[in-house]
N, C-alpha and C. Protein backbone atom coordinates (compact mmCIF):
# COMPACT_ATOMS: atom_id res chain seq x y z
N MET A 1 158.18 46.83 136.85
CA MET A 1 156.93 46.52 137.12
C MET A 1 156.42 45.99 135.73
N THR A 2 155.59 44.72 135.38
CA THR A 2 155.31 44.19 134.40
C THR A 2 153.56 43.69 134.73
N SER A 3 152.87 44.47 133.76
CA SER A 3 151.41 44.48 133.91
C SER A 3 151.03 44.98 132.33
N THR A 4 149.69 44.58 132.19
CA THR A 4 148.95 45.12 131.03
C THR A 4 148.10 46.28 131.46
N TYR A 5 147.95 47.09 130.93
CA TYR A 5 146.82 48.46 131.22
C TYR A 5 146.17 48.75 129.67
N PRO A 6 144.87 48.72 130.22
CA PRO A 6 143.90 49.14 129.01
C PRO A 6 143.57 50.44 128.70
N VAL A 7 144.35 51.23 129.57
CA VAL A 7 143.54 52.49 129.41
C VAL A 7 144.59 53.76 128.80
N GLY A 8 144.33 54.74 128.47
CA GLY A 8 145.10 55.97 128.10
C GLY A 8 144.32 56.69 127.15
N ARG A 9 144.50 57.23 126.16
CA ARG A 9 143.49 58.11 125.65
C ARG A 9 143.13 57.87 124.27
N VAL A 10 142.30 57.71 123.52
CA VAL A 10 141.92 57.39 122.08
C VAL A 10 141.78 59.17 121.53
N PRO A 11 142.75 59.41 120.74
CA PRO A 11 142.58 60.61 119.91
C PRO A 11 141.60 60.84 119.16
N ARG A 12 140.75 62.06 119.32
CA ARG A 12 139.54 62.14 118.38
C ARG A 12 140.00 61.89 116.71
N GLY A 13 139.24 61.61 116.18
CA GLY A 13 139.48 61.39 114.72
C GLY A 13 140.01 60.03 114.11
N VAL A 14 140.26 59.28 115.14
CA VAL A 14 141.26 58.05 114.91
C VAL A 14 139.99 57.53 114.03
N PRO A 15 140.64 56.85 112.75
CA PRO A 15 139.49 55.92 111.82
C PRO A 15 139.11 54.96 112.60
N ARG A 16 137.93 54.25 112.41
CA ARG A 16 137.54 52.96 112.75
C ARG A 16 138.34 51.88 111.99
N LYS A 17 138.49 50.99 112.93
CA LYS A 17 139.48 49.44 112.39
C LYS A 17 141.06 49.84 112.40
N GLU A 18 141.36 51.15 113.13
CA GLU A 18 142.68 51.14 113.88
C GLU A 18 142.92 50.62 114.79
N PRO A 19 144.15 50.31 115.34
CA PRO A 19 144.43 49.55 116.76
C PRO A 19 143.72 50.12 117.90
N HIS A 20 143.60 51.48 117.86
CA HIS A 20 142.88 52.12 118.99
C HIS A 20 141.58 52.72 118.84
N GLU A 21 140.89 51.50 117.81
CA GLU A 21 139.56 51.89 117.51
C GLU A 21 138.64 52.34 118.67
N ARG A 22 137.94 53.66 117.99
CA ARG A 22 137.06 54.15 119.00
C ARG A 22 135.58 53.86 118.19
N ARG A 23 134.62 53.44 119.09
CA ARG A 23 133.52 53.22 118.82
C ARG A 23 132.29 54.06 119.52
N GLY A 24 132.66 54.87 119.64
CA GLY A 24 131.64 55.97 120.29
C GLY A 24 131.88 55.68 121.98
N GLY A 25 131.41 56.44 122.89
CA GLY A 25 131.18 56.18 124.33
C GLY A 25 132.43 57.11 124.81
N ASN A 26 133.34 56.57 125.71
CA ASN A 26 134.30 57.29 126.55
C ASN A 26 135.63 57.00 125.59
N ASP A 27 135.92 58.39 125.21
CA ASP A 27 136.92 58.54 124.47
C ASP A 27 138.49 58.34 125.12
N ASN A 28 138.43 58.31 126.19
CA ASN A 28 139.55 58.16 127.15
C ASN A 28 139.84 56.54 127.60
N VAL A 29 139.64 55.72 126.75
CA VAL A 29 139.91 54.28 126.84
C VAL A 29 140.57 53.48 125.54
N LEU A 30 141.76 53.24 125.91
CA LEU A 30 142.56 52.45 125.05
C LEU A 30 142.31 51.05 125.00
N PHE A 31 141.39 50.53 123.95
CA PHE A 31 140.90 49.04 124.10
C PHE A 31 142.01 48.00 124.25
N PRO A 32 141.47 47.11 125.24
CA PRO A 32 142.53 45.99 125.69
C PRO A 32 142.70 45.10 124.45
N THR A 33 143.74 44.39 124.66
CA THR A 33 144.14 43.16 123.82
C THR A 33 143.04 42.28 124.02
N SER A 34 142.70 41.46 123.13
CA SER A 34 141.48 40.78 123.28
C SER A 34 142.27 39.04 123.82
N PRO A 35 141.90 38.78 124.93
CA PRO A 35 142.49 37.58 125.54
C PRO A 35 142.91 36.37 124.64
N GLY A 36 144.35 35.75 124.48
CA GLY A 36 144.56 34.93 124.11
C GLY A 36 144.93 35.20 122.79
N SER A 37 144.54 36.33 121.95
CA SER A 37 144.30 36.59 120.43
C SER A 37 145.65 36.81 119.72
N GLY A 38 146.50 37.40 120.73
CA GLY A 38 147.66 38.32 120.01
C GLY A 38 147.18 39.42 119.29
N LYS A 39 146.16 39.61 119.29
CA LYS A 39 145.59 40.99 118.38
C LYS A 39 144.98 41.93 119.26
N ARG A 40 144.86 43.34 118.61
CA ARG A 40 144.09 44.34 119.55
C ARG A 40 142.46 43.85 119.38
N ALA A 41 141.75 44.56 120.19
CA ALA A 41 140.63 44.32 119.91
C ALA A 41 140.09 44.82 118.77
N GLY A 42 139.03 44.03 118.20
CA GLY A 42 138.60 44.34 116.85
C GLY A 42 139.15 43.69 115.94
N GLY A 43 140.16 42.95 116.00
CA GLY A 43 141.13 42.35 114.97
C GLY A 43 142.22 42.78 114.47
N ALA A 44 142.39 43.84 114.80
CA ALA A 44 143.54 44.60 114.32
C ALA A 44 144.77 44.45 114.83
N ALA A 45 145.80 44.26 114.09
CA ALA A 45 147.31 43.87 114.53
C ALA A 45 147.57 44.87 115.72
N GLU A 46 148.23 44.22 116.61
CA GLU A 46 148.92 45.02 117.93
C GLU A 46 149.99 45.77 117.50
N LEU A 47 150.04 47.05 117.93
CA LEU A 47 151.34 47.96 117.71
C LEU A 47 152.42 47.39 118.59
N SER A 48 153.68 47.77 118.17
CA SER A 48 154.76 47.06 119.09
C SER A 48 155.08 47.92 120.09
N ALA A 49 154.87 49.35 119.90
CA ALA A 49 155.16 50.11 121.16
C ALA A 49 153.77 51.53 121.28
N ILE A 50 153.88 51.67 122.53
CA ILE A 50 152.82 52.58 122.87
C ILE A 50 153.37 53.37 123.77
N LEU A 51 153.57 54.82 123.82
CA LEU A 51 153.85 55.68 125.07
C LEU A 51 153.01 56.48 125.39
N LEU A 52 152.48 56.47 126.58
CA LEU A 52 151.44 57.12 127.30
C LEU A 52 151.99 58.26 128.03
N ARG A 53 151.73 59.62 127.84
CA ARG A 53 152.78 60.45 128.14
C ARG A 53 152.09 61.62 129.25
N GLY A 54 152.46 61.38 130.45
CA GLY A 54 152.07 62.37 131.27
C GLY A 54 150.97 61.98 132.10
N GLY A 55 150.57 60.77 132.08
CA GLY A 55 148.90 60.36 132.71
C GLY A 55 149.39 60.23 134.24
N ARG A 56 148.13 60.22 134.82
CA ARG A 56 148.26 59.69 136.28
C ARG A 56 148.41 58.37 136.43
N ILE A 57 149.05 57.91 136.73
CA ILE A 57 149.46 56.46 136.69
C ILE A 57 148.87 55.90 138.17
N ILE A 58 147.59 54.89 138.21
CA ILE A 58 147.32 54.57 139.10
C ILE A 58 147.13 53.08 139.68
N ASP A 59 148.11 52.18 140.41
CA ASP A 59 147.84 50.87 140.61
C ASP A 59 147.82 50.78 142.12
N PRO A 60 146.80 50.25 142.67
CA PRO A 60 146.85 49.75 143.98
C PRO A 60 147.44 48.79 144.50
N ALA A 61 147.36 47.82 143.70
CA ALA A 61 148.58 46.34 143.95
C ALA A 61 149.96 46.70 143.92
N GLN A 62 150.64 47.87 143.52
CA GLN A 62 151.79 47.93 143.33
C GLN A 62 151.82 49.24 143.99
N GLY A 63 150.62 50.00 144.93
CA GLY A 63 150.95 51.02 145.78
C GLY A 63 151.48 52.19 144.84
N THR A 64 151.16 52.42 143.69
CA THR A 64 151.64 53.42 142.76
C THR A 64 150.42 54.32 142.51
N ASP A 65 150.66 55.72 142.77
CA ASP A 65 149.77 56.92 142.50
C ASP A 65 150.88 57.94 141.96
N VAL A 66 151.20 58.09 140.67
CA VAL A 66 151.91 59.10 140.18
C VAL A 66 151.71 59.80 138.53
N VAL A 67 152.22 60.78 138.48
CA VAL A 67 151.96 61.46 137.26
C VAL A 67 153.35 61.01 136.28
N SER A 68 153.40 60.23 135.19
CA SER A 68 154.47 59.62 134.92
C SER A 68 153.92 59.35 133.49
N ASP A 69 155.12 58.87 132.39
CA ASP A 69 155.07 58.16 131.43
C ASP A 69 155.05 56.70 131.60
N LEU A 70 154.59 56.13 130.58
CA LEU A 70 154.31 55.11 130.73
C LEU A 70 154.50 53.97 129.59
N LEU A 71 155.47 53.09 129.13
CA LEU A 71 155.98 52.50 127.68
C LEU A 71 155.38 51.10 127.93
N ILE A 72 154.52 50.96 126.80
CA ILE A 72 154.03 49.71 126.69
C ILE A 72 154.56 49.09 125.04
N GLU A 73 155.36 47.92 125.46
CA GLU A 73 155.91 47.42 124.20
C GLU A 73 155.35 46.01 124.14
N ASP A 74 154.85 45.69 122.88
CA ASP A 74 154.20 44.17 122.50
C ASP A 74 153.25 43.94 123.71
N GLY A 75 152.33 44.89 124.16
CA GLY A 75 151.25 44.48 125.24
C GLY A 75 151.63 44.39 126.54
N VAL A 76 152.93 44.83 126.80
CA VAL A 76 153.41 44.29 128.24
C VAL A 76 154.13 45.98 128.68
N VAL A 77 153.80 46.37 129.91
CA VAL A 77 154.32 47.43 130.37
C VAL A 77 155.77 47.04 130.48
N ARG A 78 156.76 48.00 129.98
CA ARG A 78 158.17 47.87 130.07
C ARG A 78 158.68 48.93 130.94
N ARG A 79 158.37 50.16 130.99
CA ARG A 79 158.86 51.38 132.00
C ARG A 79 157.86 52.25 132.41
N MET A 80 158.13 52.78 133.47
CA MET A 80 157.57 53.78 133.89
C MET A 80 158.31 55.01 134.70
N GLU A 81 158.38 56.00 133.88
CA GLU A 81 159.29 57.02 134.42
C GLU A 81 159.00 58.38 134.13
N PRO A 82 159.58 59.38 134.68
CA PRO A 82 158.96 60.88 134.48
C PRO A 82 159.00 61.15 132.91
N ALA A 83 159.79 61.04 132.23
CA ALA A 83 160.13 61.29 130.82
C ALA A 83 160.75 60.29 129.86
N ILE A 84 160.17 59.47 129.25
CA ILE A 84 160.58 58.76 128.19
C ILE A 84 160.44 58.97 126.65
N SER A 85 161.53 58.78 126.35
CA SER A 85 161.87 59.14 124.91
C SER A 85 161.17 58.09 124.03
N PRO A 86 160.31 58.28 123.16
CA PRO A 86 159.28 57.12 122.31
C PRO A 86 160.43 56.62 121.50
N PRO A 87 160.28 55.11 121.66
CA PRO A 87 161.10 54.40 120.68
C PRO A 87 160.74 54.54 118.96
N GLY A 88 161.55 54.34 117.96
CA GLY A 88 161.31 54.58 116.82
C GLY A 88 159.91 53.39 116.70
N GLY A 89 158.90 54.29 115.81
CA GLY A 89 157.81 53.48 115.58
C GLY A 89 156.53 53.68 116.40
N ALA A 90 156.78 54.04 117.52
CA ALA A 90 155.80 53.93 119.02
C ALA A 90 154.66 55.06 118.86
N ARG A 91 153.62 54.69 119.06
CA ARG A 91 152.19 55.84 118.85
C ARG A 91 152.68 56.27 120.40
N VAL A 92 152.64 57.71 120.25
CA VAL A 92 152.76 58.47 121.68
C VAL A 92 151.08 59.33 121.84
N ILE A 93 150.63 58.91 123.02
CA ILE A 93 149.29 59.46 123.31
C ILE A 93 149.55 60.24 124.44
N GLU A 94 149.08 61.55 124.47
CA GLU A 94 149.39 62.48 125.24
C GLU A 94 148.09 62.32 126.50
N ALA A 95 148.63 61.66 127.65
CA ALA A 95 147.67 61.50 128.63
C ALA A 95 147.55 62.52 129.49
N GLN A 96 147.82 63.55 129.46
CA GLN A 96 147.68 64.62 130.94
C GLN A 96 146.18 64.67 131.24
N GLY A 97 146.04 64.82 132.46
CA GLY A 97 144.84 64.89 132.97
C GLY A 97 143.85 63.58 132.97
N LEU A 98 144.09 62.56 132.33
CA LEU A 98 143.79 61.24 132.23
C LEU A 98 144.36 60.36 133.50
N ILE A 99 143.57 59.24 133.49
CA ILE A 99 144.06 58.42 134.86
C ILE A 99 144.32 57.08 133.76
N VAL A 100 145.55 56.54 134.21
CA VAL A 100 146.05 55.16 133.62
C VAL A 100 146.19 54.13 135.08
N CYS A 101 145.27 53.16 134.53
CA CYS A 101 145.18 51.87 135.58
C CYS A 101 145.13 50.73 135.15
N PRO A 102 145.06 49.56 135.87
CA PRO A 102 144.89 48.33 135.30
C PRO A 102 143.50 48.47 135.22
N GLY A 103 142.97 47.38 134.12
CA GLY A 103 141.71 47.23 133.92
C GLY A 103 140.75 46.89 135.14
N PHE A 104 139.49 47.05 134.92
CA PHE A 104 138.67 46.93 136.04
C PHE A 104 137.81 45.47 135.63
N VAL A 105 137.42 44.73 136.66
CA VAL A 105 136.45 43.33 136.51
C VAL A 105 135.21 43.84 137.24
N ASP A 106 134.24 43.20 136.07
CA ASP A 106 132.95 43.44 136.55
C ASP A 106 132.33 42.14 136.98
N LEU A 107 132.00 41.53 138.03
CA LEU A 107 131.80 40.30 138.44
C LEU A 107 130.16 40.13 138.54
N HIS A 108 129.54 40.88 137.71
CA HIS A 108 128.14 40.59 137.37
C HIS A 108 127.59 41.11 136.40
N CYS A 109 127.45 40.85 135.30
CA CYS A 109 127.00 41.53 134.10
C CYS A 109 126.07 40.46 133.45
N HIS A 110 125.24 41.07 132.52
CA HIS A 110 124.35 40.43 131.52
C HIS A 110 124.62 40.42 130.20
N LEU A 111 125.03 39.39 129.68
CA LEU A 111 125.62 39.30 128.00
C LEU A 111 123.91 38.77 127.44
N ARG A 112 123.24 38.24 127.70
CA ARG A 112 122.00 37.63 127.46
C ARG A 112 122.35 36.52 126.34
N GLU A 113 123.33 36.30 125.85
CA GLU A 113 123.45 35.46 124.78
C GLU A 113 124.33 34.24 125.47
N PRO A 114 123.53 32.63 124.95
CA PRO A 114 122.44 32.52 123.92
C PRO A 114 121.22 32.80 124.28
N GLY A 115 120.41 33.26 123.14
CA GLY A 115 118.72 33.12 123.38
C GLY A 115 118.18 34.44 123.33
N GLN A 116 118.87 35.57 123.96
CA GLN A 116 118.26 36.69 124.08
C GLN A 116 119.04 38.03 123.48
N GLU A 117 119.77 37.55 122.20
CA GLU A 117 120.56 38.55 121.39
C GLU A 117 119.73 39.83 121.24
N ASP A 118 118.46 39.70 121.20
CA ASP A 118 117.77 40.98 120.81
C ASP A 118 118.08 42.25 122.05
N ARG A 119 118.55 41.57 123.27
CA ARG A 119 118.63 42.34 124.41
C ARG A 119 120.20 42.98 124.46
N GLU A 120 121.08 41.70 124.31
CA GLU A 120 122.48 42.11 124.46
C GLU A 120 123.08 40.96 123.86
N THR A 121 124.44 41.22 123.02
CA THR A 121 125.20 40.10 122.63
C THR A 121 126.64 40.04 123.43
N ILE A 122 127.15 38.95 123.06
CA ILE A 122 128.94 39.20 123.55
C ILE A 122 129.55 40.46 123.07
N VAL A 123 129.36 40.51 121.79
CA VAL A 123 129.96 41.70 121.27
C VAL A 123 129.67 43.02 121.82
N THR A 124 128.23 43.16 121.68
CA THR A 124 127.77 44.61 122.29
C THR A 124 128.11 44.72 123.69
N GLY A 125 127.96 43.57 124.69
CA GLY A 125 128.50 43.76 126.02
C GLY A 125 129.60 43.96 126.37
N THR A 126 130.89 43.18 125.35
CA THR A 126 132.36 43.24 125.88
C THR A 126 132.45 44.93 125.02
N GLU A 127 131.85 45.20 124.14
CA GLU A 127 132.22 46.62 123.50
C GLU A 127 132.02 47.62 124.76
N ALA A 128 130.88 47.77 125.14
CA ALA A 128 130.58 48.64 126.08
C ALA A 128 131.29 48.38 127.48
N ALA A 129 131.88 47.07 127.94
CA ALA A 129 132.67 46.81 129.06
C ALA A 129 133.96 47.54 128.89
N ALA A 130 134.50 47.47 127.44
CA ALA A 130 135.79 47.84 127.01
C ALA A 130 135.75 49.66 126.97
N ARG A 131 134.75 50.04 126.49
CA ARG A 131 134.71 51.57 126.67
C ARG A 131 134.54 51.95 128.14
N GLY A 132 134.22 51.12 129.10
CA GLY A 132 134.01 51.71 130.27
C GLY A 132 135.42 51.33 131.33
N GLY A 133 136.26 50.67 130.74
CA GLY A 133 137.55 50.55 131.13
C GLY A 133 137.73 48.58 131.95
N PHE A 134 136.85 48.59 131.55
CA PHE A 134 136.88 46.97 132.04
C PHE A 134 137.62 45.76 131.28
N THR A 135 138.32 45.20 131.42
CA THR A 135 139.25 43.83 130.83
C THR A 135 138.71 42.78 131.01
N THR A 136 137.73 42.47 131.85
CA THR A 136 137.10 40.87 132.56
C THR A 136 135.81 41.48 132.86
N ILE A 137 134.79 40.25 132.22
CA ILE A 137 133.45 40.38 132.81
C ILE A 137 132.88 39.07 133.32
N CYS A 138 132.35 38.89 134.09
CA CYS A 138 131.52 37.78 134.49
C CYS A 138 130.30 37.80 134.26
N ALA A 139 129.76 36.67 133.32
CA ALA A 139 128.33 36.69 132.72
C ALA A 139 127.51 35.76 133.21
N MET A 140 126.27 36.57 133.83
CA MET A 140 125.29 35.80 134.68
C MET A 140 124.67 34.80 133.78
N PRO A 141 124.31 33.43 134.18
CA PRO A 141 123.82 32.47 133.95
C PRO A 141 121.99 32.81 133.34
N ASN A 142 121.45 33.80 133.28
CA ASN A 142 120.05 34.06 133.20
C ASN A 142 120.29 34.34 131.49
N THR A 143 120.33 33.30 130.69
CA THR A 143 120.45 33.12 129.30
C THR A 143 119.21 32.15 128.92
N ASP A 144 118.89 31.87 127.52
CA ASP A 144 118.01 31.23 127.19
C ASP A 144 118.84 30.34 126.04
N PRO A 145 118.98 29.02 126.21
CA PRO A 145 118.96 28.34 127.50
C PRO A 145 120.22 28.93 128.36
N ALA A 146 119.51 28.33 129.70
CA ALA A 146 120.63 28.91 130.86
C ALA A 146 121.94 28.40 130.64
N ILE A 147 122.98 29.02 131.34
CA ILE A 147 124.40 28.38 131.21
C ILE A 147 124.34 27.39 132.52
N ASP A 148 123.91 26.17 132.08
CA ASP A 148 123.98 25.02 132.92
C ASP A 148 124.65 23.60 132.46
N THR A 149 125.04 23.85 131.41
CA THR A 149 125.80 22.64 130.80
C THR A 149 127.43 23.11 130.43
N ARG A 150 127.98 21.78 130.04
CA ARG A 150 129.53 22.13 129.54
C ARG A 150 129.24 23.02 128.39
N ALA A 151 128.37 22.37 127.59
CA ALA A 151 128.48 22.98 126.05
C ALA A 151 128.00 24.27 126.03
N THR A 152 127.36 24.93 127.08
CA THR A 152 126.83 26.28 126.75
C THR A 152 128.04 27.09 127.58
N VAL A 153 128.68 26.72 128.36
CA VAL A 153 130.00 27.57 128.80
C VAL A 153 130.92 27.54 128.05
N GLU A 154 131.31 26.39 126.95
CA GLU A 154 131.96 26.23 125.93
C GLU A 154 131.73 27.17 125.16
N PHE A 155 130.26 27.16 124.44
CA PHE A 155 129.84 28.13 123.73
C PHE A 155 130.33 29.73 124.15
N VAL A 156 129.95 30.03 124.99
CA VAL A 156 130.08 31.31 125.65
C VAL A 156 131.66 31.65 125.57
N PHE A 157 132.69 30.80 126.08
CA PHE A 157 133.92 31.18 126.02
C PHE A 157 134.45 31.00 124.51
N ARG A 158 134.08 30.16 123.69
CA ARG A 158 134.39 30.27 122.15
C ARG A 158 133.91 31.32 121.77
N LYS A 159 132.69 32.09 121.71
CA LYS A 159 132.21 33.23 121.35
C LYS A 159 133.04 34.37 121.38
N ALA A 160 133.36 34.28 123.14
CA ALA A 160 133.98 35.37 123.57
C ALA A 160 135.37 35.78 122.80
N SER A 161 136.15 34.37 122.84
CA SER A 161 137.52 34.67 122.57
C SER A 161 137.48 35.30 121.03
N GLU A 162 136.65 34.77 120.16
CA GLU A 162 136.53 34.96 118.64
C GLU A 162 135.86 36.39 118.34
N GLU A 163 134.97 36.64 119.19
CA GLU A 163 134.49 38.27 119.09
C GLU A 163 134.48 39.24 120.00
N GLY A 164 134.92 38.94 121.12
CA GLY A 164 134.73 39.82 122.32
C GLY A 164 135.85 40.60 122.46
N MET A 165 135.43 41.72 122.96
CA MET A 165 136.49 42.92 123.19
C MET A 165 137.27 42.51 124.35
N VAL A 166 136.92 41.96 125.53
CA VAL A 166 137.41 41.67 126.78
C VAL A 166 137.25 40.27 126.99
N ARG A 167 138.02 39.69 128.27
CA ARG A 167 137.84 38.35 128.71
C ARG A 167 136.30 37.99 129.25
N VAL A 168 135.91 37.13 129.08
CA VAL A 168 134.66 36.77 129.50
C VAL A 168 134.64 35.23 130.21
N LEU A 169 134.37 35.34 131.52
CA LEU A 169 133.98 34.37 132.33
C LEU A 169 132.66 34.10 132.78
N PRO A 170 132.22 33.18 131.95
CA PRO A 170 130.58 32.62 132.24
C PRO A 170 130.57 32.16 133.84
N ILE A 171 129.55 32.51 134.32
CA ILE A 171 129.30 31.85 135.50
C ILE A 171 128.07 30.91 135.48
N GLY A 172 128.10 29.78 135.73
CA GLY A 172 127.36 28.77 135.65
C GLY A 172 126.16 28.52 136.49
N CYS A 173 124.98 28.09 136.42
CA CYS A 173 123.77 28.02 137.01
C CYS A 173 124.13 26.94 138.31
N VAL A 174 123.77 27.25 139.15
CA VAL A 174 123.84 26.07 140.44
C VAL A 174 122.67 25.00 140.32
N THR A 175 121.58 25.39 139.45
CA THR A 175 120.79 24.33 139.53
C THR A 175 120.34 24.25 137.88
N LYS A 176 119.85 22.82 137.60
CA LYS A 176 119.57 22.96 136.08
C LYS A 176 118.34 23.95 136.07
N GLY A 177 118.73 24.63 134.70
CA GLY A 177 117.69 25.23 133.90
C GLY A 177 117.58 27.04 135.13
N SER A 178 118.49 26.95 136.20
CA SER A 178 118.37 28.09 137.02
C SER A 178 116.89 27.77 137.78
N ARG A 179 116.53 26.79 137.89
CA ARG A 179 115.18 26.69 138.77
C ARG A 179 115.03 26.72 140.12
N GLY A 180 116.33 26.57 140.53
CA GLY A 180 116.26 26.92 142.11
C GLY A 180 116.37 25.18 142.87
């Protein structure tokens, strides 16, 4: 089984700017790797190995619902077995009582950037999504200016890839200026 999983358990007391940075909110989410960056969310270098021990692993696409250990190496799930010995240098996360599953996708979110950054930004919206276990979000076009040109779509893609915690897929307007 090869897949990426954004969940686990962020231990209490982990200082900011660590690979499993905790920014408040849900302590049961291991922040996903930023899309295409090769880095952990927040810009920290990726760990080589993470062992999630004793979590309930649910993956509907694979028909999986078991309590097991899960070994992630270089951001990819390598093994799922009842008891895995951690490789040297691996971060071990005790996941008993927690659910380990593929990241969620939000098909309708409002990032409000560009133009309404006082309400939400790509950074704050993607941080909230990551805390909730989402690895991909689809940003609605009700921004100012509306997401109705190639340049605006490219702006959202670029900003999200540079600063976002999760993958952002901008939804473009059907009509110019979203006027109908």
